[in-house]
Amino acid sequence: MTSKPATIARILLGLVFFFFGLNGFLHFLPQPPMEGAVAQFTGGLFAGRYLFPLMAAAQTLAGAALLLRRFVPLALAVLAPIIVNIVGFHLFLQPAGLPIASLVAALEIYLAWSYRDAFRPMLRARPEPSLEAARVRPVLEARAAR
């Protein structure tokens, strides 16, 4: 059973990323004119032609996962580097958006803490492969040798 604050945070974060992820495909929010370093940075990313669709897809899928309460730790792991970049963008290039970026980061951190047990195995310094993987490896190597 999850706590009410974690449920509220999960739904809020899910709505933010599902909504803005869809906007990356459907363009229903008008884009304000960009100038200076913001225009150069965004123009450079846009010129690559793959990053914005990739981010929109990741945001939409992760937002949907959060809203549906499916694969929540995976969704949080996918969103973490996106949120770091959002905060960095607003910290260094567009400070007016920093309050919202900080709120999104706070929701992410709170949810990561709430789901910390799911991240515990990922944070081991020297993890060992599972016994199942150790049993499958010789079989795969024998097949490859044939």
Foldseek 3Di string as FASTA:
>chain_A
DADPVLLVLLLVLLVVLLVVLVCLVVVPDDDDDDDDPVCVVVVVVVVVVPVSNVSSVLSNVLSVCSNVVHPVVVSLVSCVVVLVVVCVCCVPPNVVCNVVSVVSVVSSVVNCVRVVVVCVQVPDPDDDDDPVCVVVVVVVVVVVVD
